[in-house]
Every structure is written in C-alpha cells, then in structure tokens.
Amino acid sequence: MQDQSTTRHPYVWLICPQCGAHFRRIYRDYARSADGIRCCSKPCRKAYIRAQHPPCVYAIVHVPSGRLYVGSTAAPHERWRNHRGELTHGRHANAPLQAAWTESSPDAWEFRYLEVVPDATQLIAREQTWLDHYRATGLLFNRQPNAGTATGTVMPPSFSAMLSARQRGRHLSPEARAKIAAKARGRKWPAGRLPPVLHFTPTEVQAIRIRWANGETQQALASEFGVSRGAIGGIAIGRRYQHVPMDDDTAARVMARRIAVGKPPKPH
C-alpha cells in the first residue's frame, strides 16, 4: 500500500458514530465537514442526526425583541436548515417572520427546543399547547390560531381586497373555453388519471351521483375511477356534466346528502 505522505490526497480513518464501522475519508473532505458529523454513509448520517435531534416543539427566537415563531417537527435539524434557507432567500411563508429576519442580522436569531416529544403523533397537540401559552404575550410571529392547519387564520383586509380585485370580472369567453378544451383533449395524463370532463359516460355520471347520494364517500369514488376528489364532488352535486340530467328521485337524495354533510346549495 502506498504511503499516505506520498499520495495526492492523504486520508484518515474514522469510526462511524451510528454503526461503529471503520471507514476511510480523504483528509480534504474531512477538513471541510462543516457540522462535525462524519458517518460512513448518508443513511447512517441521517439516522445519527435524528437520534441526536429527536421530535420536538421548537421556537425560532429573535433574541433582541423576544418575539418567536413556534412549530413542531420530527426532524429539527432539517427543519431549522429549511427555515434558514427560505428566510435567507426571502421566500418564507410567514410574512412577519420574513420581514423581521430581513431587517436584522442572522446572528440575532436562535433555534430553541421548547419540548422534546418522543411520540411524534403528539407533536401537533403539544405545539397547540405552546401556541396557546405564548399567544397571550403578543410575541408570536405565528398567524394561524390552530397548529397544523390554516383553518381560522384571519387575513389582513388589504390582502382580502387584493384577492377579490384579482378575481372580480374574470369570465372566460366561449373562444377561450374552446381553446382550453382543445388543449385538454391532446394532453398526456398520468397513468390511471384521466381528465374528468372527457372521462365519464352518462351512465357512469348517473351511477356516481346515485352512489354518493346513498352514502359512499367522494374519496372512495375518486380512487375507484382514477380522478381527483374534487372532480367527483362536481359530478355528484351536478356542477359538472350538467348536460346529464338527474331524475327527481336522484336530485332529492343528492340534496339530502348535501344537507347531511353540511354543504347545502348557496341561495341565489
């Protein structure tokens, strides 16, 4: 074996902290390892990091002001890296947090563990507890009142007005609709998922409406027919395939099902 001192890239022998195996690493790469975690393979490195950083509820804290963003994750090492990347490039989903990051130095921020949660299924519940704890302080960057969902989020009036202005008066002309339909006919759809407006025969449309009215879920029907749940929903309530009429009995049962699931027709 050639002596290390005469090789172009001398190497060092290391012990994997995850599996205990001995492995060889070129000294140049060894010196460039930024986080000091050196494992024999990527799976070992990933397993080691997750063992050292268990599931937790965390906080991204702006140290000078004490304001913080609360979240939960099963992989805090990766989550903090993703947050930093999004904030650095100015594309974080939380606008107040992004604005505060842009106006200050990255050194003013800390990633802190609020609670280690061994059972990852309890992360959302524990995150909600910490959100409720800090909400009264007025220091939260979080806009969502509920952990794990955007339900209940109150958007600023200016944002709602902007969305309304974008949608107001947007009606496709018959020519535009014809172009979209022609383009869809030549589109290559993924295997098992065909365009809903071109997929169903009148017999299938009637069967979908009857089966949904009788209690089958839209998701189950979507999986069976290979389309999205939204496509099945539009067919079931008669918003799509309006050229396929519903008899009075089917229409009454569809109406009863819509009321039962809490989605009655909107009054005109």
C-alpha atoms as a PDB file:
ATOM      1  CA  MET A   1       0.000   0.000   0.000  1.00  0.00           C
ATOM      2  CA  GLN A   2       1.294   3.440  -0.905  1.00  0.00           C
ATOM      3  CA  ASP A   3       2.351   5.644   1.989  1.00  0.00           C
ATOM      4  CA  GLN A   4      -0.090   8.418   2.920  1.00  0.00           C
ATOM      5  CA  SER A   5       2.601  11.069   2.716  1.00  0.00           C
ATOM      6  CA  THR A   6       3.239  10.335  -0.987  1.00  0.00           C
ATOM      7  CA  THR A   7      -0.409  10.215  -2.089  1.00  0.00           C
ATOM      8  CA  ARG A   8      -2.051  13.199  -3.650  1.00  0.00           C
ATOM      9  CA  HIS A   9      -4.970  13.208  -1.207  1.00  0.00           C
ATOM     10  CA  PRO A  10      -3.983  11.687   2.178  1.00  0.00           C
ATOM     11  CA  TYR A  11      -6.820  10.066   4.071  1.00  0.00           C
ATOM     12  CA  VAL A  12      -7.813   9.482   7.678  1.00  0.00           C
ATOM     13  CA  TRP A  13      -9.541   6.530   9.324  1.00  0.00           C
ATOM     14  CA  LEU A  14     -12.715   7.334  11.263  1.00  0.00           C
ATOM     15  CA  ILE A  15     -15.311   5.428  13.290  1.00  0.00           C
ATOM     16  CA  CYS A  16     -18.960   5.876  12.333  1.00  0.00           C
ATOM     17  CA  PRO A  17     -20.834   7.166  15.422  1.00  0.00           C
ATOM     18  CA  GLN A  18     -24.018   5.415  14.280  1.00  0.00           C
ATOM     19  CA  CYS A  19     -22.979   1.866  13.337  1.00  0.00           C
ATOM     20  CA  GLY A  20     -19.410   1.731  14.697  1.00  0.00           C
ATOM     21  CA  ALA A  21     -17.840   0.779  11.349  1.00  0.00           C
ATOM     22  CA  HIS A  22     -14.350   1.954  10.413  1.00  0.00           C
ATOM     23  CA  PHE A  23     -14.251   3.966   7.209  1.00  0.00           C
ATOM     24  CA  ARG A  24     -11.755   5.986   5.242  1.00  0.00           C
ATOM     25  CA  ARG A  25     -12.199   9.658   4.379  1.00  0.00           C
ATOM     26  CA  ILE A  26      -9.988  11.884   2.236  1.00  0.00           C
ATOM     27  CA  TYR A  27      -8.430  14.436   4.543  1.00  0.00           C
ATOM     28  CA  ARG A  28      -9.598  17.314   2.342  1.00  0.00           C
ATOM     29  CA  ASP A  29     -13.257  16.272   2.762  1.00  0.00           C
ATOM     30  CA  TYR A  30     -12.663  15.553   6.447  1.00  0.00           C
ATOM     31  CA  ALA A  31     -11.455  19.130   6.984  1.00  0.00           C
ATOM     32  CA  ARG A  32     -14.396  20.574   5.040  1.00  0.00           C
ATOM     33  CA  SER A  33     -17.093  18.901   7.152  1.00  0.00           C
ATOM     34  CA  ALA A  34     -18.889  21.966   8.467  1.00  0.00           C
ATOM     35  CA  ASP A  35     -21.101  20.480  11.183  1.00  0.00           C
ATOM     36  CA  GLY A  36     -18.564  17.965  12.503  1.00  0.00           C
ATOM     37  CA  ILE A  37     -20.860  14.973  11.885  1.00  0.00           C
ATOM     38  CA  ARG A  38     -18.884  12.337   9.978  1.00  0.00           C
ATOM     39  CA  CYS A  39     -20.562   8.998   9.246  1.00  0.00           C
ATOM     40  CA  CYS A  40     -19.746   6.150   6.889  1.00  0.00           C
ATOM     41  CA  SER A  41     -22.807   6.680   4.685  1.00  0.00           C
ATOM     42  CA  LYS A  42     -25.749   9.004   4.132  1.00  0.00           C
ATOM     43  CA  PRO A  43     -28.272   6.612   5.788  1.00  0.00           C
ATOM     44  CA  CYS A  44     -26.041   6.407   8.871  1.00  0.00           C
ATOM     45  CA  ARG A  45     -25.643  10.161   8.962  1.00  0.00           C
ATOM     46  CA  LYS A  46     -29.395  10.688   8.691  1.00  0.00           C
ATOM     47  CA  ALA A  47     -30.128   8.119  11.415  1.00  0.00           C
ATOM     48  CA  TYR A  48     -27.471   9.619  13.700  1.00  0.00           C
ATOM     49  CA  ILE A  49     -28.798  13.164  13.284  1.00  0.00           C
ATOM     50  CA  ARG A  50     -32.341  12.053  14.043  1.00  0.00           C
ATOM     51  CA  ALA A  51     -31.164  10.202  17.139  1.00  0.00           C
ATOM     52  CA  GLN A  52     -29.339  13.316  18.359  1.00  0.00           C
ATOM     53  CA  HIS A  53     -32.239  15.619  17.435  1.00  0.00           C
ATOM     54  CA  PRO A  54     -35.500  13.873  18.446  1.00  0.00           C
ATOM     55  CA  PRO A  55     -39.026  15.094  17.578  1.00  0.00           C
ATOM     56  CA  CYS A  56     -39.784  18.322  19.356  1.00  0.00           C
ATOM     57  CA  VAL A  57     -41.742  21.540  19.599  1.00  0.00           C
ATOM     58  CA  TYR A  58     -39.317  24.329  18.704  1.00  0.00           C
ATOM     59  CA  ALA A  59     -39.110  28.098  18.634  1.00  0.00           C
ATOM     60  CA  ILE A  60     -37.244  30.419  16.286  1.00  0.00           C
ATOM     61  CA  VAL A  61     -36.448  33.324  18.593  1.00  0.00           C
ATOM     62  CA  HIS A  62     -35.475  36.883  17.716  1.00  0.00           C
ATOM     63  CA  VAL A  63     -33.228  37.465  20.731  1.00  0.00           C
ATOM     64  CA  PRO A  64     -33.261  41.311  20.840  1.00  0.00           C
ATOM     65  CA  SER A  65     -37.086  41.583  20.835  1.00  0.00           C
ATOM     66  CA  GLY A  66     -38.062  38.232  22.355  1.00  0.00           C
ATOM     67  CA  ARG A  67     -40.512  37.542  19.531  1.00  0.00           C
ATOM     68  CA  LEU A  68     -40.712  33.940  18.376  1.00  0.00           C
ATOM     69  CA  TYR A  69     -42.140  31.521  15.841  1.00  0.00           C
ATOM     70  CA  VAL A  70     -43.406  28.209  17.253  1.00  0.00           C
ATOM     71  CA  GLY A  71     -43.508  24.968  15.263  1.00  0.00           C
ATOM     72  CA  SER A  72     -43.120  21.223  15.610  1.00  0.00           C
ATOM     73  CA  THR A  73     -41.151  18.645  13.634  1.00  0.00           C
ATOM     74  CA  ALA A  74     -39.882  15.083  13.716  1.00  0.00           C
ATOM     75  CA  ALA A  75     -36.519  16.231  12.260  1.00  0.00           C
ATOM     76  CA  PRO A  76     -35.488  19.529  13.903  1.00  0.00           C
ATOM     77  CA  HIS A  77     -32.001  19.531  12.340  1.00  0.00           C
ATOM     78  CA  GLU A  78     -33.501  19.508   8.835  1.00  0.00           C
ATOM     79  CA  ARG A  79     -36.383  21.819   9.739  1.00  0.00           C
ATOM     80  CA  TRP A  80     -34.106  24.568  11.020  1.00  0.00           C
ATOM     81  CA  ARG A  81     -31.974  24.260   7.880  1.00  0.00           C
ATOM     82  CA  ASN A  82     -35.093  24.616   5.708  1.00  0.00           C
ATOM     83  CA  HIS A  83     -36.291  27.647   7.688  1.00  0.00           C
ATOM     84  CA  ARG A  84     -32.907  29.346   7.325  1.00  0.00           C
ATOM     85  CA  GLY A  85     -32.819  28.674   3.597  1.00  0.00           C
ATOM     86  CA  GLU A  86     -36.289  30.097   2.997  1.00  0.00           C
ATOM     87  CA  LEU A  87     -35.637  33.144   5.175  1.00  0.00           C
ATOM     88  CA  THR A  88     -32.257  33.835   3.587  1.00  0.00           C
ATOM     89  CA  HIS A  89     -33.737  33.737   0.089  1.00  0.00           C
ATOM     90  CA  GLY A  90     -36.764  35.835   1.103  1.00  0.00           C
ATOM     91  CA  ARG A  91     -39.448  33.253   0.379  1.00  0.00           C
ATOM     92  CA  HIS A  92     -40.657  32.166   3.816  1.00  0.00           C
ATOM     93  CA  ALA A  93     -44.421  31.608   4.047  1.00  0.00           C
ATOM     94  CA  ASN A  94     -44.714  33.594   7.298  1.00  0.00           C
ATOM     95  CA  ALA A  95     -44.575  37.248   6.228  1.00  0.00           C
ATOM     96  CA  PRO A  96     -43.998  38.800   9.710  1.00  0.00           C
ATOM     97  CA  LEU A  97     -41.145  36.385  10.395  1.00  0.00           C
ATOM     98  CA  GLN A  98     -39.637  37.067   6.962  1.00  0.00           C
ATOM     99  CA  ALA A  99     -39.831  40.831   7.477  1.00  0.00           C
ATOM    100  CA  ALA A 100     -38.151  40.615  10.882  1.00  0.00           C
ATOM    101  CA  TRP A 101     -35.402  38.368   9.502  1.00  0.00           C
ATOM    102  CA  THR A 102     -34.731  40.737   6.591  1.00  0.00           C
ATOM    103  CA  GLU A 103     -34.434  43.745   8.907  1.00  0.00           C
ATOM    104  CA  SER A 104     -31.974  42.086  11.297  1.00  0.00           C
ATOM    105  CA  SER A 105     -28.807  40.007  11.268  1.00  0.00           C
ATOM    106  CA  PRO A 106     -28.946  36.182  11.174  1.00  0.00           C
ATOM    107  CA  ASP A 107     -26.841  36.229  14.348  1.00  0.00           C
ATOM    108  CA  ALA A 108     -29.809  37.751  16.195  1.00  0.00           C
ATOM    109  CA  TRP A 109     -31.803  34.516  15.855  1.00  0.00           C
ATOM    110  CA  GLU A 110     -31.752  31.270  17.815  1.00  0.00           C
ATOM    111  CA  PHE A 111     -33.347  27.869  17.303  1.00  0.00           C
ATOM    112  CA  ARG A 112     -34.554  26.581  20.674  1.00  0.00           C
ATOM    113  CA  TYR A 113     -36.170  23.356  21.849  1.00  0.00           C
ATOM    114  CA  LEU A 114     -39.350  24.076  23.795  1.00  0.00           C
ATOM    115  CA  GLU A 115     -40.236  20.432  24.435  1.00  0.00           C
ATOM    116  CA  VAL A 116     -38.959  17.046  23.311  1.00  0.00           C
ATOM    117  CA  VAL A 117     -41.886  14.858  22.216  1.00  0.00           C
ATOM    118  CA  PRO A 118     -40.862  11.171  21.981  1.00  0.00           C
ATOM    119  CA  ASP A 119     -44.220  10.230  20.440  1.00  0.00           C
ATOM    120  CA  ALA A 120     -44.313  12.026  17.094  1.00  0.00           C
ATOM    121  CA  THR A 121     -48.095  11.555  16.859  1.00  0.00           C
ATOM    122  CA  GLN A 122     -48.466  14.039  19.729  1.00  0.00           C
ATOM    123  CA  LEU A 123     -46.486  16.826  18.048  1.00  0.00           C
ATOM    124  CA  ILE A 124     -49.487  18.827  16.840  1.00  0.00           C
ATOM    125  CA  ALA A 125     -51.221  18.642  20.229  1.00  0.00           C
ATOM    126  CA  ARG A 126     -48.099  19.796  22.068  1.00  0.00           C
ATOM    127  CA  GLU A 127     -47.488  22.553  19.526  1.00  0.00           C
ATOM    128  CA  GLN A 128     -51.029  23.804  20.126  1.00  0.00           C
ATOM    129  CA  THR A 129     -50.343  23.913  23.868  1.00  0.00           C
ATOM    130  CA  TRP A 130     -47.274  26.091  23.341  1.00  0.00           C
ATOM    131  CA  LEU A 131     -49.092  28.334  20.859  1.00  0.00           C
ATOM    132  CA  ASP A 132     -51.838  28.944  23.423  1.00  0.00           C
ATOM    133  CA  HIS A 133     -49.194  29.613  26.070  1.00  0.00           C
ATOM    134  CA  TYR A 134     -47.412  32.320  24.071  1.00  0.00           C
ATOM    135  CA  ARG A 135     -50.409  33.853  22.301  1.00  0.00           C
ATOM    136  CA  ALA A 136     -51.382  35.952  25.297  1.00  0.00           C
ATOM    137  CA  THR A 137     -47.923  37.564  25.320  1.00  0.00           C
ATOM    138  CA  GLY A 138     -48.366  39.068  21.866  1.00  0.00           C
ATOM    139  CA  LEU A 139     -44.864  37.932  20.885  1.00  0.00           C
ATOM    140  CA  LEU A 140     -45.816  35.257  18.359  1.00  0.00           C
ATOM    141  CA  PHE A 141     -44.976  35.523  14.673  1.00  0.00           C
ATOM    142  CA  ASN A 142     -47.482  32.708  14.004  1.00  0.00           C
ATOM    143  CA  ARG A 143     -50.652  33.853  12.260  1.00  0.00           C
ATOM    144  CA  GLN A 144     -52.560  30.544  12.411  1.00  0.00           C
ATOM    145  CA  PRO A 145     -54.559  30.050  15.628  1.00  0.00           C
ATOM    146  CA  ASN A 146     -54.514  26.255  15.192  1.00  0.00           C
ATOM    147  CA  ALA A 147     -51.417  24.077  14.903  1.00  0.00           C
ATOM    148  CA  GLY A 148     -51.046  22.029  11.725  1.00  0.00           C
ATOM    149  CA  THR A 149     -53.757  23.838   9.749  1.00  0.00           C
ATOM    150  CA  ALA A 150     -54.521  27.267   8.319  1.00  0.00           C
ATOM    151  CA  THR A 151     -58.181  26.995   9.402  1.00  0.00           C
ATOM    152  CA  GLY A 152     -59.216  30.055  11.359  1.00  0.00           C
ATOM    153  CA  THR A 153     -56.485  32.309  10.003  1.00  0.00           C
ATOM    154  CA  VAL A 154     -57.672  35.913   9.670  1.00  0.00           C
ATOM    155  CA  MET A 155     -56.056  37.605   6.688  1.00  0.00           C
ATOM    156  CA  PRO A 156     -55.450  41.387   6.645  1.00  0.00           C
ATOM    157  CA  PRO A 157     -58.220  43.385   4.911  1.00  0.00           C
ATOM    158  CA  SER A 158     -55.713  44.625   2.334  1.00  0.00           C
ATOM    159  CA  PHE A 159     -54.846  41.033   1.351  1.00  0.00           C
ATOM    160  CA  SER A 160     -58.509  40.035   1.044  1.00  0.00           C
ATOM    161  CA  ALA A 161     -59.187  43.114  -1.078  1.00  0.00           C
ATOM    162  CA  MET A 162     -56.266  42.242  -3.364  1.00  0.00           C
ATOM    163  CA  LEU A 163     -57.577  38.685  -3.920  1.00  0.00           C
ATOM    164  CA  SER A 164     -61.076  39.999  -4.555  1.00  0.00           C
ATOM    165  CA  ALA A 165     -59.802  42.504  -7.116  1.00  0.00           C
ATOM    166  CA  ARG A 166     -57.881  39.773  -8.927  1.00  0.00           C
ATOM    167  CA  GLN A 167     -60.943  37.558  -9.283  1.00  0.00           C
ATOM    168  CA  ARG A 168     -63.523  40.263  -9.996  1.00  0.00           C
ATOM    169  CA  GLY A 169     -64.800  40.202 -13.544  1.00  0.00           C
ATOM    170  CA  ARG A 170     -62.766  37.177 -14.640  1.00  0.00           C
ATOM    171  CA  HIS A 171     -65.077  35.373 -17.053  1.00  0.00           C
ATOM    172  CA  LEU A 172     -63.741  33.213 -19.846  1.00  0.00           C
ATOM    173  CA  SER A 173     -65.099  33.853 -23.286  1.00  0.00           C
ATOM    174  CA  PRO A 174     -66.519  30.962 -25.351  1.00  0.00           C
ATOM    175  CA  GLU A 175     -63.418  31.157 -27.551  1.00  0.00           C
ATOM    176  CA  ALA A 176     -61.102  30.818 -24.538  1.00  0.00           C
ATOM    177  CA  ARG A 177     -63.112  27.880 -23.208  1.00  0.00           C
ATOM    178  CA  ALA A 178     -62.916  26.191 -26.608  1.00  0.00           C
ATOM    179  CA  LYS A 179     -59.114  26.624 -26.681  1.00  0.00           C
ATOM    180  CA  ILE A 180     -58.754  25.131 -23.195  1.00  0.00           C
ATOM    181  CA  ALA A 181     -60.945  22.167 -24.125  1.00  0.00           C
ATOM    182  CA  ALA A 182     -58.981  21.555 -27.320  1.00  0.00           C
ATOM    183  CA  LYS A 183     -55.703  21.653 -25.428  1.00  0.00           C
ATOM    184  CA  ALA A 184     -57.008  19.214 -22.797  1.00  0.00           C
ATOM    185  CA  ARG A 185     -58.002  16.690 -25.451  1.00  0.00           C
ATOM    186  CA  GLY A 186     -54.391  16.340 -26.557  1.00  0.00           C
ATOM    187  CA  ARG A 187     -52.886  16.340 -23.077  1.00  0.00           C
ATOM    188  CA  LYS A 188     -50.979  13.320 -21.829  1.00  0.00           C
ATOM    189  CA  TRP A 189     -52.365  12.474 -18.416  1.00  0.00           C
ATOM    190  CA  PRO A 190     -50.580  10.260 -15.840  1.00  0.00           C
ATOM    191  CA  ALA A 191     -51.442   6.561 -15.889  1.00  0.00           C
ATOM    192  CA  GLY A 192     -54.706   5.863 -14.092  1.00  0.00           C
ATOM    193  CA  ARG A 193     -55.812   9.518 -14.007  1.00  0.00           C
ATOM    194  CA  LEU A 194     -57.802  10.817 -16.960  1.00  0.00           C
ATOM    195  CA  PRO A 195     -59.295  14.299 -17.443  1.00  0.00           C
ATOM    196  CA  PRO A 196     -62.701  14.338 -15.686  1.00  0.00           C
ATOM    197  CA  VAL A 197     -64.531  16.299 -18.384  1.00  0.00           C
ATOM    198  CA  LEU A 198     -63.618  13.710 -21.001  1.00  0.00           C
ATOM    199  CA  HIS A 199     -63.651  10.540 -18.952  1.00  0.00           C
ATOM    200  CA  PHE A 200     -67.193   9.631 -17.953  1.00  0.00           C
ATOM    201  CA  THR A 201     -70.147   8.353 -19.924  1.00  0.00           C
ATOM    202  CA  PRO A 202     -73.681   9.476 -18.980  1.00  0.00           C
ATOM    203  CA  THR A 203     -74.257   6.065 -17.355  1.00  0.00           C
ATOM    204  CA  GLU A 204     -71.187   6.490 -15.157  1.00  0.00           C
ATOM    205  CA  VAL A 205     -72.192  10.042 -14.233  1.00  0.00           C
ATOM    206  CA  GLN A 206     -75.609   8.859 -13.069  1.00  0.00           C
ATOM    207  CA  ALA A 207     -74.041   5.982 -11.136  1.00  0.00           C
ATOM    208  CA  ILE A 208     -71.625   8.345  -9.334  1.00  0.00           C
ATOM    209  CA  ARG A 209     -74.472  10.631  -8.301  1.00  0.00           C
ATOM    210  CA  ILE A 210     -76.595   7.768  -7.026  1.00  0.00           C
ATOM    211  CA  ARG A 211     -73.751   6.090  -5.143  1.00  0.00           C
ATOM    212  CA  TRP A 212     -72.702   9.343  -3.485  1.00  0.00           C
ATOM    213  CA  ALA A 213     -76.292  10.110  -2.529  1.00  0.00           C
ATOM    214  CA  ASN A 214     -76.515   6.630  -0.983  1.00  0.00           C
ATOM    215  CA  GLY A 215     -73.592   7.346   1.342  1.00  0.00           C
ATOM    216  CA  GLU A 216     -70.345   6.451  -0.455  1.00  0.00           C
ATOM    217  CA  THR A 217     -67.524   8.967   0.061  1.00  0.00           C
ATOM    218  CA  GLN A 218     -66.131  11.126  -2.706  1.00  0.00           C
ATOM    219  CA  GLN A 219     -62.609   9.910  -1.936  1.00  0.00           C
ATOM    220  CA  ALA A 220     -63.600   6.262  -2.376  1.00  0.00           C
ATOM    221  CA  LEU A 221     -65.264   7.024  -5.700  1.00  0.00           C
ATOM    222  CA  ALA A 222     -62.264   9.112  -6.817  1.00  0.00           C
ATOM    223  CA  SER A 223     -59.887   6.229  -6.091  1.00  0.00           C
ATOM    224  CA  GLU A 224     -62.095   3.804  -7.994  1.00  0.00           C
ATOM    225  CA  PHE A 225     -62.463   5.986 -11.101  1.00  0.00           C
ATOM    226  CA  GLY A 226     -58.888   7.364 -11.065  1.00  0.00           C
ATOM    227  CA  VAL A 227     -59.691  11.081 -10.763  1.00  0.00           C
ATOM    228  CA  SER A 228     -59.474  13.711  -8.029  1.00  0.00           C
ATOM    229  CA  ARG A 229     -61.967  14.023  -5.190  1.00  0.00           C
ATOM    230  CA  GLY A 230     -62.907  17.498  -6.459  1.00  0.00           C
ATOM    231  CA  ALA A 231     -63.894  16.073  -9.848  1.00  0.00           C
ATOM    232  CA  ILE A 232     -66.184  13.532  -8.177  1.00  0.00           C
ATOM    233  CA  GLY A 233     -67.672  16.255  -5.982  1.00  0.00           C
ATOM    234  CA  GLY A 234     -68.532  18.390  -9.007  1.00  0.00           C
ATOM    235  CA  ILE A 235     -70.204  15.449 -10.733  1.00  0.00           C
ATOM    236  CA  ALA A 236     -72.091  14.314  -7.623  1.00  0.00           C
ATOM    237  CA  ILE A 237     -73.796  17.644  -6.938  1.00  0.00           C
ATOM    238  CA  GLY A 238     -74.468  18.349 -10.605  1.00  0.00           C
ATOM    239  CA  ARG A 239     -71.997  21.183 -11.122  1.00  0.00           C
ATOM    240  CA  ARG A 240     -70.220  19.141 -13.786  1.00  0.00           C
ATOM    241  CA  TYR A 241     -71.874  17.175 -16.584  1.00  0.00           C
ATOM    242  CA  GLN A 242     -74.927  19.438 -16.417  1.00  0.00           C
ATOM    243  CA  HIS A 243     -75.984  18.025 -19.776  1.00  0.00           C
ATOM    244  CA  VAL A 244     -76.668  14.716 -17.996  1.00  0.00           C
ATOM    245  CA  PRO A 245     -79.990  15.297 -16.230  1.00  0.00           C
ATOM    246  CA  MET A 246     -80.923  13.966 -12.785  1.00  0.00           C
ATOM    247  CA  ASP A 247     -84.348  12.476 -12.230  1.00  0.00           C
ATOM    248  CA  ASP A 248     -86.441  13.854  -9.370  1.00  0.00           C
ATOM    249  CA  ASP A 249     -85.635  10.969  -7.014  1.00  0.00           C
ATOM    250  CA  THR A 250     -81.852  11.269  -7.511  1.00  0.00           C
ATOM    251  CA  ALA A 251     -81.996  15.063  -7.201  1.00  0.00           C
ATOM    252  CA  ALA A 252     -83.866  14.774  -3.886  1.00  0.00           C
ATOM    253  CA  ARG A 253     -81.368  12.255  -2.491  1.00  0.00           C
ATOM    254  CA  VAL A 254     -78.400  14.371  -3.609  1.00  0.00           C
ATOM    255  CA  MET A 255     -79.944  17.395  -1.911  1.00  0.00           C
ATOM    256  CA  ALA A 256     -80.480  15.408   1.295  1.00  0.00           C
ATOM    257  CA  ARG A 257     -76.858  14.212   1.243  1.00  0.00           C
ATOM    258  CA  ARG A 258     -75.577  17.756   0.719  1.00  0.00           C
ATOM    259  CA  ILE A 259     -77.546  18.945   3.724  1.00  0.00           C
ATOM    260  CA  ALA A 260     -76.358  15.964   5.784  1.00  0.00           C
ATOM    261  CA  VAL A 261     -72.675  16.716   5.110  1.00  0.00           C
ATOM    262  CA  GLY A 262     -73.164  20.396   5.863  1.00  0.00           C
ATOM    263  CA  LYS A 263     -72.863  21.731   2.309  1.00  0.00           C
ATOM    264  CA  PRO A 264     -76.319  22.863   1.205  1.00  0.00           C
ATOM    265  CA  PRO A 265     -76.665  24.893  -2.006  1.00  0.00           C
ATOM    266  CA  LYS A 266     -75.959  28.593  -1.607  1.00  0.00           C
ATOM    267  CA  PRO A 267     -79.044  30.822  -2.003  1.00  0.00           C
ATOM    268  CA  HIS A 268     -79.033  32.962  -5.147  1.00  0.00           C
END
